[in-house]
Structures are given as C-alpha cells and as structure tokens.
Amino acid sequence: MRRTVQFQAPERGAERESRQRETRQPEPLRTEFGFELPRGYVDESGTVHRSGVMRLATARDELVPLRDDRVRENSAYLSVVLISRVVTRIGTVEDIHPGVIEDLFASDLAFLQDFYRRINAEGHTRAAVNCPSCNEEFTVDLAGGRLGES
C-alpha cells in the first residue's frame, strides 16, 4: 500500500498578508473625527483653538434644530445649531453651543459644514483634488494635521 503525502510550501510574505487581510474583521464603526480649523476659534481670553472633534450625527441631531425658534425665524441658522450639536470639542473648549459656533470665522464655519457633510453622507474625510500646476490628481484628508504628517 502506497501513501501519498502532500506538503504545503511555506507562505511568502505577500501571500501571508493577503490571507490575513481576507480573514480580518471589518473595521469598527468610527463615530468621532478629528479636525483642524483653517483659522481657529478665538475665546474670550484671546486664545486660538484649532483642533477639534466632530461626532457622527444622529437623526435626533437633525430633527431637534427644526423646533428651535431661531431656526424657524431664520433657516440659515439651522447649520449653526446642527454643528453645535455634533462638535464635541474645539481646542480645550468642551462646552460647544450655538454661541461658540456663531463666533467662528466664516471660513471655519464653511469648513465645519463641509466636514459634517463628508463624514455623515460620505463616511470619510478625504477629498480628491487636482494640483493647479501639473493637474495631477491626488487625495487629501480634510481632517487636517500639520504639514508633513500623514
């Protein structure tokens, strides 16, 4: 009686990584996203706060502002109330309310509105852009960070 035994060749690095990727668990749901404001929030003492955190919005976050009298009087105020509900921190300021958002520079409010749309509708903070010089397309992370960091 003759037996045949087959030996498996050891996996190479690329093969092992590919197999590990296939067996990995899906990433957990990310609910908070860090950001860097273009200009920054200036508090009462003159301190500039640029880094912050925004969480994913809930249905309640989008419904509650519709009952706010300020929003009923001026629909443009909706974004101020909505952003104030989902931003959890700007610098060391953790009590984020519509008054804080009202005191942001217009460019920072526009940044937060776009950031909100990206994380809640698209699920990420990346944007495709083109280099104005060479027209090369690449991706940037709108969450910010310092130059040279990845």
C-alpha atoms as a PDB file:
ATOM      1  CA  MET A   1       0.000   0.000   0.000  1.00  0.00           C
ATOM      2  CA  ARG A   2       1.379   3.309  -1.039  1.00  0.00           C
ATOM      3  CA  ARG A   3       0.529   6.616   0.677  1.00  0.00           C
ATOM      4  CA  THR A   4       0.859   9.987  -0.895  1.00  0.00           C
ATOM      5  CA  VAL A   5       1.609  12.933   1.328  1.00  0.00           C
ATOM      6  CA  GLN A   6       1.494  16.467   0.076  1.00  0.00           C
ATOM      7  CA  PHE A   7       3.469  19.189   1.730  1.00  0.00           C
ATOM      8  CA  GLN A   8       2.495  22.801   1.503  1.00  0.00           C
ATOM      9  CA  ALA A   9       5.220  25.220   0.611  1.00  0.00           C
ATOM     10  CA  PRO A  10       5.739  27.912   3.227  1.00  0.00           C
ATOM     11  CA  GLU A  11       3.776  31.084   2.510  1.00  0.00           C
ATOM     12  CA  ARG A  12       5.622  34.027   1.165  1.00  0.00           C
ATOM     13  CA  GLY A  13       5.208  37.440   2.817  1.00  0.00           C
ATOM     14  CA  ALA A  14       2.777  38.814   0.222  1.00  0.00           C
ATOM     15  CA  GLU A  15       0.675  35.650   0.257  1.00  0.00           C
ATOM     16  CA  ARG A  16       0.505  35.663   4.053  1.00  0.00           C
ATOM     17  CA  GLU A  17      -0.529  39.343   4.142  1.00  0.00           C
ATOM     18  CA  SER A  18      -3.205  38.729   1.514  1.00  0.00           C
ATOM     19  CA  ARG A  19      -4.625  35.809   3.511  1.00  0.00           C
ATOM     20  CA  GLN A  20      -4.560  37.859   6.735  1.00  0.00           C
ATOM     21  CA  ARG A  21      -6.442  40.730   5.041  1.00  0.00           C
ATOM     22  CA  GLU A  22      -9.147  38.292   3.920  1.00  0.00           C
ATOM     23  CA  THR A  23      -9.641  36.933   7.451  1.00  0.00           C
ATOM     24  CA  ARG A  24      -9.571  40.282   9.280  1.00  0.00           C
ATOM     25  CA  GLN A  25     -12.662  41.521  10.987  1.00  0.00           C
ATOM     26  CA  PRO A  26     -14.296  44.609   9.481  1.00  0.00           C
ATOM     27  CA  GLU A  27     -13.167  47.888  10.973  1.00  0.00           C
ATOM     28  CA  PRO A  28     -15.332  49.058  13.877  1.00  0.00           C
ATOM     29  CA  LEU A  29     -17.661  51.945  13.136  1.00  0.00           C
ATOM     30  CA  ARG A  30     -15.811  55.210  13.534  1.00  0.00           C
ATOM     31  CA  THR A  31     -18.059  57.771  15.255  1.00  0.00           C
ATOM     32  CA  GLU A  32     -15.646  60.618  16.022  1.00  0.00           C
ATOM     33  CA  PHE A  33     -13.430  62.537  13.624  1.00  0.00           C
ATOM     34  CA  GLY A  34     -10.689  64.984  14.490  1.00  0.00           C
ATOM     35  CA  PHE A  35     -10.228  68.196  12.522  1.00  0.00           C
ATOM     36  CA  GLU A  36      -8.080  71.337  12.296  1.00  0.00           C
ATOM     37  CA  LEU A  37      -9.886  74.615  11.710  1.00  0.00           C
ATOM     38  CA  PRO A  38      -8.370  76.810   8.987  1.00  0.00           C
ATOM     39  CA  ARG A  39      -8.301  79.919  11.231  1.00  0.00           C
ATOM     40  CA  GLY A  40      -9.403  78.803  14.682  1.00  0.00           C
ATOM     41  CA  TYR A  41     -11.873  79.751  17.385  1.00  0.00           C
ATOM     42  CA  VAL A  42     -10.775  82.722  19.483  1.00  0.00           C
ATOM     43  CA  ASP A  43     -12.120  82.510  23.044  1.00  0.00           C
ATOM     44  CA  GLU A  44     -12.815  85.407  25.465  1.00  0.00           C
ATOM     45  CA  SER A  45      -9.199  85.480  26.655  1.00  0.00           C
ATOM     46  CA  GLY A  46      -7.829  85.663  23.095  1.00  0.00           C
ATOM     47  CA  THR A  47      -6.605  82.054  22.946  1.00  0.00           C
ATOM     48  CA  VAL A  48      -6.877  80.485  19.492  1.00  0.00           C
ATOM     49  CA  HIS A  49      -8.217  76.915  19.384  1.00  0.00           C
ATOM     50  CA  ARG A  50      -7.790  75.000  16.098  1.00  0.00           C
ATOM     51  CA  SER A  51      -8.018  71.255  16.708  1.00  0.00           C
ATOM     52  CA  GLY A  52     -11.355  69.700  17.486  1.00  0.00           C
ATOM     53  CA  VAL A  53     -13.583  66.659  17.307  1.00  0.00           C
ATOM     54  CA  MET A  54     -16.877  66.115  15.500  1.00  0.00           C
ATOM     55  CA  ARG A  55     -19.042  63.052  16.042  1.00  0.00           C
ATOM     56  CA  LEU A  56     -21.425  61.421  13.614  1.00  0.00           C
ATOM     57  CA  ALA A  57     -24.877  62.962  13.660  1.00  0.00           C
ATOM     58  CA  THR A  58     -27.959  61.087  14.805  1.00  0.00           C
ATOM     59  CA  ALA A  59     -31.471  61.516  13.468  1.00  0.00           C
ATOM     60  CA  ARG A  60     -32.248  63.488  16.636  1.00  0.00           C
ATOM     61  CA  ASP A  61     -29.368  65.891  15.884  1.00  0.00           C
ATOM     62  CA  GLU A  62     -31.009  66.731  12.565  1.00  0.00           C
ATOM     63  CA  LEU A  63     -34.580  66.911  13.890  1.00  0.00           C
ATOM     64  CA  VAL A  64     -34.213  68.896  17.134  1.00  0.00           C
ATOM     65  CA  PRO A  65     -32.885  72.090  15.487  1.00  0.00           C
ATOM     66  CA  LEU A  66     -36.049  72.266  13.354  1.00  0.00           C
ATOM     67  CA  ARG A  67     -38.011  73.027  16.546  1.00  0.00           C
ATOM     68  CA  ASP A  68     -35.604  75.813  17.554  1.00  0.00           C
ATOM     69  CA  ASP A  69     -37.231  79.278  17.343  1.00  0.00           C
ATOM     70  CA  ARG A  70     -34.024  80.793  15.938  1.00  0.00           C
ATOM     71  CA  VAL A  71     -34.143  78.304  13.061  1.00  0.00           C
ATOM     72  CA  ARG A  72     -37.847  78.960  12.471  1.00  0.00           C
ATOM     73  CA  GLU A  73     -37.130  82.683  12.185  1.00  0.00           C
ATOM     74  CA  ASN A  74     -34.048  82.243  10.003  1.00  0.00           C
ATOM     75  CA  SER A  75     -33.449  78.927   8.224  1.00  0.00           C
ATOM     76  CA  ALA A  76     -29.762  79.814   7.715  1.00  0.00           C
ATOM     77  CA  TYR A  77     -29.330  79.369  11.482  1.00  0.00           C
ATOM     78  CA  LEU A  78     -30.005  75.628  11.087  1.00  0.00           C
ATOM     79  CA  SER A  79     -26.369  74.862  10.318  1.00  0.00           C
ATOM     80  CA  VAL A  80     -25.189  76.781  13.408  1.00  0.00           C
ATOM     81  CA  VAL A  81     -27.447  74.772  15.726  1.00  0.00           C
ATOM     82  CA  LEU A  82     -26.692  71.483  13.964  1.00  0.00           C
ATOM     83  CA  ILE A  83     -22.906  71.985  14.015  1.00  0.00           C
ATOM     84  CA  SER A  84     -23.066  72.952  17.705  1.00  0.00           C
ATOM     85  CA  ARG A  85     -24.750  69.607  18.462  1.00  0.00           C
ATOM     86  CA  VAL A  86     -22.109  67.433  16.776  1.00  0.00           C
ATOM     87  CA  VAL A  87     -18.863  69.269  17.544  1.00  0.00           C
ATOM     88  CA  THR A  88     -17.755  67.899  20.906  1.00  0.00           C
ATOM     89  CA  ARG A  89     -14.562  69.891  21.375  1.00  0.00           C
ATOM     90  CA  ILE A  90     -12.608  72.785  19.870  1.00  0.00           C
ATOM     91  CA  GLY A  91      -9.196  73.021  21.480  1.00  0.00           C
ATOM     92  CA  THR A  92      -9.772  72.982  25.229  1.00  0.00           C
ATOM     93  CA  VAL A  93     -13.363  74.234  24.870  1.00  0.00           C
ATOM     94  CA  GLU A  94     -15.751  71.360  25.509  1.00  0.00           C
ATOM     95  CA  ASP A  95     -18.969  73.329  26.086  1.00  0.00           C
ATOM     96  CA  ILE A  96     -19.880  73.795  22.441  1.00  0.00           C
ATOM     97  CA  HIS A  97     -23.151  75.680  21.962  1.00  0.00           C
ATOM     98  CA  PRO A  98     -24.573  77.856  19.170  1.00  0.00           C
ATOM     99  CA  GLY A  99     -22.857  80.935  20.636  1.00  0.00           C
ATOM    100  CA  VAL A 100     -19.441  79.330  20.132  1.00  0.00           C
ATOM    101  CA  ILE A 101     -20.264  78.423  16.533  1.00  0.00           C
ATOM    102  CA  GLU A 102     -21.589  81.962  15.911  1.00  0.00           C
ATOM    103  CA  ASP A 103     -18.186  83.332  16.968  1.00  0.00           C
ATOM    104  CA  LEU A 104     -16.251  81.257  14.420  1.00  0.00           C
ATOM    105  CA  PHE A 105     -14.801  82.938  11.371  1.00  0.00           C
ATOM    106  CA  ALA A 106     -16.916  82.349   8.243  1.00  0.00           C
ATOM    107  CA  SER A 107     -14.191  80.179   6.695  1.00  0.00           C
ATOM    108  CA  ASP A 108     -14.172  77.926   9.770  1.00  0.00           C
ATOM    109  CA  LEU A 109     -17.956  77.558   9.695  1.00  0.00           C
ATOM    110  CA  ALA A 110     -17.814  76.680   5.983  1.00  0.00           C
ATOM    111  CA  PHE A 111     -15.089  74.128   6.764  1.00  0.00           C
ATOM    112  CA  LEU A 112     -17.216  72.518   9.504  1.00  0.00           C
ATOM    113  CA  GLN A 113     -20.283  72.413   7.253  1.00  0.00           C
ATOM    114  CA  ASP A 114     -18.308  70.596   4.558  1.00  0.00           C
ATOM    115  CA  PHE A 115     -16.683  68.330   7.153  1.00  0.00           C
ATOM    116  CA  TYR A 116     -20.141  67.459   8.533  1.00  0.00           C
ATOM    117  CA  ARG A 117     -21.390  66.585   5.061  1.00  0.00           C
ATOM    118  CA  ARG A 118     -18.355  64.426   4.320  1.00  0.00           C
ATOM    119  CA  ILE A 119     -18.413  62.316   7.484  1.00  0.00           C
ATOM    120  CA  ASN A 120     -22.196  61.913   7.614  1.00  0.00           C
ATOM    121  CA  ALA A 121     -23.006  61.452   3.932  1.00  0.00           C
ATOM    122  CA  GLU A 122     -19.794  60.009   2.525  1.00  0.00           C
ATOM    123  CA  GLY A 123     -18.365  58.325   5.624  1.00  0.00           C
ATOM    124  CA  HIS A 124     -14.842  59.715   5.335  1.00  0.00           C
ATOM    125  CA  THR A 125     -12.836  62.934   5.440  1.00  0.00           C
ATOM    126  CA  ARG A 126     -10.909  62.532   2.172  1.00  0.00           C
ATOM    127  CA  ALA A 127     -11.322  64.681  -0.925  1.00  0.00           C
ATOM    128  CA  ALA A 128      -9.963  64.258  -4.437  1.00  0.00           C
ATOM    129  CA  VAL A 129      -8.134  67.364  -5.655  1.00  0.00           C
ATOM    130  CA  ASN A 130      -6.048  68.389  -8.663  1.00  0.00           C
ATOM    131  CA  CYS A 131      -2.681  70.135  -8.495  1.00  0.00           C
ATOM    132  CA  PRO A 132      -3.084  73.547 -10.162  1.00  0.00           C
ATOM    133  CA  SER A 133       0.441  73.352 -11.626  1.00  0.00           C
ATOM    134  CA  CYS A 134       0.673  69.847 -13.080  1.00  0.00           C
ATOM    135  CA  ASN A 135      -3.023  68.825 -12.988  1.00  0.00           C
ATOM    136  CA  GLU A 136      -2.049  65.625 -11.116  1.00  0.00           C
ATOM    137  CA  GLU A 137      -4.989  64.191  -9.140  1.00  0.00           C
ATOM    138  CA  PHE A 138      -4.422  63.147  -5.526  1.00  0.00           C
ATOM    139  CA  THR A 139      -6.328  62.721  -2.279  1.00  0.00           C
ATOM    140  CA  VAL A 140      -6.117  64.931   0.795  1.00  0.00           C
ATOM    141  CA  ASP A 141      -7.529  64.335   4.252  1.00  0.00           C
ATOM    142  CA  LEU A 142      -9.690  67.281   5.274  1.00  0.00           C
ATOM    143  CA  ALA A 143      -9.382  66.356   8.911  1.00  0.00           C
ATOM    144  CA  GLY A 144      -6.185  68.370   8.844  1.00  0.00           C
ATOM    145  CA  GLY A 145      -2.960  67.846  10.651  1.00  0.00           C
ATOM    146  CA  ARG A 146       0.382  69.527  10.356  1.00  0.00           C
ATOM    147  CA  LEU A 147       2.287  69.678   7.099  1.00  0.00           C
ATOM    148  CA  GLY A 148       4.364  66.584   6.559  1.00  0.00           C
ATOM    149  CA  GLU A 149       2.237  64.400   8.830  1.00  0.00           C
ATOM    150  CA  SER A 150       0.262  61.525   7.409  1.00  0.00           C
END
